[in-house]
Amino acid sequence: MSEGHIERAREDLRVHPITVELSRSLDAEVDAGTEIVLKVKVSCAHGCDLRGQEIDVVAPDGAVVGSGRLVEFSENVNETAEFAFMAPEEVGEYAWTVVFAKHDLEDVAHQEGVLPITVRTLAHDTSLAVWSVPSPIVIDHPFRIQVGATCSSGCNLNGKEI
C-alpha cells in the first residue's frame, strides 16, 4: 500500500463522539480505605452498541485503579455493571478520571470520553463502650474494666490500643 492510500483510508473513517456519565450519583464523602462503587453509562452520538469495551478509573499519576466493562445496551445507552476501586487510606480529597478509551473499528472511530470525579475520604467513626467499672474507684489503686470498640466501616479492631 502506498502512503497516500493509508491517508485516504483514515479520511474515510467516521468519528463518533462519546459521552461518559455516572448511572447514579457518587457519594461526596466515603470512609478512608473503603470501596468506591461505580456504575457508568457511555453514549455514542450515533447510538452504537459498545458492549465489551472497558471503562477505566485513572489516578492523577496515570495508574489504573479500577476497571469495568460495558455489559448492557438499551435505548442507545451502554452501561457497566457495578465495579469498585479502593479509596486511599489517608484522609483527604482525591480526584480520578473515568475513561472510555478511544478505539477504532473497521470504518468507525469512537473518541475518548472522560469524566472527572472527586471524593473526600473521612476518618472512620468509632464507638466505645465500657462496662464492669468498679465503684468506687480508689485513687492510686489499679482496677480492671472491660472495653468494646466498633468501627463504622467494620474494621477489625482486635489488638488495637485504647
Protein backbone atom coordinates (compact mmCIF):
# COMPACT_ATOMS: atom_id res chain seq x y z
CA MET A 1 0.00 0.00 0.00
CA SER A 2 1.15 3.49 -0.73
CA GLU A 3 1.31 6.17 1.90
CA GLY A 4 -1.41 8.13 0.06
CA HIS A 5 -3.79 5.16 0.28
CA ILE A 6 -3.35 4.97 4.06
CA GLU A 7 -4.17 8.65 4.39
CA ARG A 8 -7.34 8.24 2.28
CA ALA A 9 -8.40 5.27 4.42
CA ARG A 10 -8.09 7.43 7.56
CA GLU A 11 -10.16 10.17 5.90
CA ASP A 12 -12.97 7.62 5.31
CA LEU A 13 -13.02 6.77 9.00
CA ARG A 14 -16.12 8.20 10.66
CA VAL A 15 -15.52 9.67 14.13
CA HIS A 16 -18.25 9.28 16.74
CA PRO A 17 -18.25 11.49 19.86
CA ILE A 18 -18.73 9.79 23.23
CA THR A 19 -20.40 10.93 26.46
CA VAL A 20 -19.46 9.37 29.81
CA GLU A 21 -21.60 9.80 32.94
CA LEU A 22 -22.33 8.03 36.19
CA SER A 23 -25.51 5.95 36.36
CA ARG A 24 -26.09 7.18 39.89
CA SER A 25 -24.55 9.97 41.90
CA LEU A 26 -21.29 9.38 43.70
CA ASP A 27 -21.08 9.94 47.45
CA ALA A 28 -19.04 13.10 48.04
CA GLU A 29 -17.54 11.57 51.20
CA VAL A 30 -16.53 7.99 51.99
CA ASP A 31 -14.65 6.32 54.82
CA ALA A 32 -10.92 6.12 54.08
CA GLY A 33 -9.74 2.75 52.78
CA THR A 34 -13.21 1.54 51.73
CA GLU A 35 -14.64 0.65 48.34
CA ILE A 36 -15.97 3.29 45.98
CA VAL A 37 -18.62 1.65 43.81
CA LEU A 38 -19.41 3.00 40.33
CA LYS A 39 -21.84 2.18 37.57
CA VAL A 40 -21.05 4.08 34.37
CA LYS A 41 -23.08 4.99 31.28
CA VAL A 42 -21.45 5.59 27.90
CA SER A 43 -23.37 7.04 24.97
CA CYS A 44 -22.28 7.33 21.36
CA ALA A 45 -23.86 10.20 19.41
CA HIS A 46 -24.77 7.64 16.72
CA GLY A 47 -26.27 5.08 19.13
CA CYS A 48 -23.53 2.45 18.74
CA ASP A 49 -23.57 -0.74 20.80
CA LEU A 50 -20.26 -0.60 22.68
CA ARG A 51 -20.72 -3.66 24.90
CA GLY A 52 -17.45 -5.34 25.75
CA GLN A 53 -15.44 -2.11 25.83
CA GLU A 54 -13.54 -1.21 29.01
CA ILE A 55 -14.06 1.71 31.36
CA ASP A 56 -11.02 2.61 33.49
CA VAL A 57 -10.71 4.73 36.61
CA VAL A 58 -7.37 6.52 36.34
CA ALA A 59 -5.47 8.23 39.17
CA PRO A 60 -3.61 11.52 38.56
CA ASP A 61 -0.32 9.60 38.22
CA GLY A 62 -1.80 7.60 35.31
CA ALA A 63 -2.28 4.36 37.26
CA VAL A 64 -5.50 2.46 36.54
CA VAL A 65 -7.14 1.86 39.94
CA GLY A 66 -10.34 0.22 38.75
CA SER A 67 -12.00 -1.14 35.61
CA GLY A 68 -15.40 -2.20 34.42
CA ARG A 69 -16.75 -3.49 31.14
CA LEU A 70 -19.82 -2.22 29.29
CA VAL A 71 -22.31 -5.08 29.61
CA GLU A 72 -25.73 -3.57 28.86
CA PHE A 73 -27.11 -1.73 25.83
CA SER A 74 -30.61 -0.26 25.90
CA GLU A 75 -32.18 2.78 24.23
CA ASN A 76 -28.82 3.75 22.68
CA VAL A 77 -27.06 3.82 26.09
CA ASN A 78 -24.29 1.43 27.15
CA GLU A 79 -23.78 0.68 30.83
CA THR A 80 -21.37 -1.21 33.06
CA ALA A 81 -22.29 -3.49 35.91
CA GLU A 82 -21.26 -2.11 39.29
CA PHE A 83 -17.49 -2.16 39.81
CA ALA A 84 -15.34 -0.88 42.65
CA PHE A 85 -11.97 0.57 43.48
CA MET A 86 -10.43 1.37 46.84
CA ALA A 87 -10.38 4.83 48.36
CA PRO A 88 -6.98 5.83 49.79
CA GLU A 89 -6.46 5.07 53.47
CA GLU A 90 -5.32 8.63 54.19
CA VAL A 91 -7.93 11.29 54.95
CA GLY A 92 -8.17 13.96 52.24
CA GLU A 93 -9.69 14.94 48.90
CA TYR A 94 -8.88 12.79 45.87
CA ALA A 95 -9.59 13.03 42.16
CA TRP A 96 -9.71 10.38 39.45
CA THR A 97 -10.80 10.30 35.82
CA VAL A 98 -13.30 7.78 34.46
CA VAL A 99 -12.05 6.98 30.93
CA PHE A 100 -13.60 5.34 27.90
CA ALA A 101 -10.52 4.94 25.72
CA LYS A 102 -10.55 5.94 22.03
CA HIS A 103 -10.81 2.92 19.79
CA ASP A 104 -11.13 2.27 16.08
CA LEU A 105 -13.31 -0.30 14.36
CA GLU A 106 -13.28 -1.03 10.61
CA ASP A 107 -14.87 2.24 9.48
CA VAL A 108 -15.70 3.99 12.77
CA ALA A 109 -13.56 5.59 15.45
CA HIS A 110 -15.03 6.35 18.85
CA GLN A 111 -13.46 9.34 20.55
CA GLU A 112 -12.12 9.09 24.06
CA GLY A 113 -14.71 10.01 26.68
CA VAL A 114 -13.68 11.21 30.14
CA LEU A 115 -15.44 12.15 33.35
CA PRO A 116 -13.57 13.65 36.32
CA ILE A 117 -14.73 12.52 39.77
CA THR A 118 -13.68 13.65 43.24
CA VAL A 119 -14.24 12.15 46.68
CA ARG A 120 -13.26 13.24 50.17
CA THR A 121 -12.13 10.42 52.45
CA LEU A 122 -13.04 10.61 56.11
CA ALA A 123 -11.66 9.11 59.30
CA HIS A 124 -13.76 6.16 60.45
CA ASP A 125 -16.19 6.81 63.27
CA THR A 126 -15.66 4.60 66.29
CA SER A 127 -17.91 3.76 69.17
CA LEU A 128 -16.61 2.78 72.60
CA ALA A 129 -18.45 1.04 75.41
CA VAL A 130 -17.11 0.50 78.92
CA TRP A 131 -18.56 -1.91 81.47
CA SER A 132 -17.60 -3.74 84.66
CA VAL A 133 -16.36 -0.49 86.17
CA PRO A 134 -15.82 -0.90 89.94
CA SER A 135 -17.41 1.63 92.20
CA PRO A 136 -15.91 3.44 93.91
CA ILE A 137 -12.58 3.77 92.12
CA VAL A 138 -9.79 4.35 94.63
CA ILE A 139 -7.01 6.78 93.69
CA ASP A 140 -3.60 5.15 93.17
CA HIS A 141 -5.08 1.62 93.14
CA PRO A 142 -5.23 -0.46 89.95
CA PHE A 143 -8.57 -1.66 88.68
CA ARG A 144 -9.92 -3.59 85.71
CA ILE A 145 -12.63 -2.63 83.26
CA GLN A 146 -13.92 -4.12 80.04
CA VAL A 147 -13.94 -2.03 76.88
CA GLY A 148 -15.51 -2.70 73.50
CA ALA A 149 -14.96 -0.75 70.30
CA THR A 150 -16.60 -0.82 66.88
CA CYS A 151 -15.70 0.92 63.64
CA SER A 152 -18.22 2.49 61.24
CA SER A 153 -16.57 0.57 58.38
CA GLY A 154 -16.45 -2.76 60.18
CA CYS A 155 -12.67 -2.75 60.65
CA ASN A 156 -11.18 -5.45 62.86
CA LEU A 157 -10.03 -3.60 65.98
CA ASN A 158 -8.71 -6.67 67.84
CA GLY A 159 -5.39 -5.87 69.47
CA LYS A 160 -5.68 -2.12 68.93
CA GLU A 161 -4.65 0.09 71.81
CA ILE A 162 -7.31 2.11 73.59
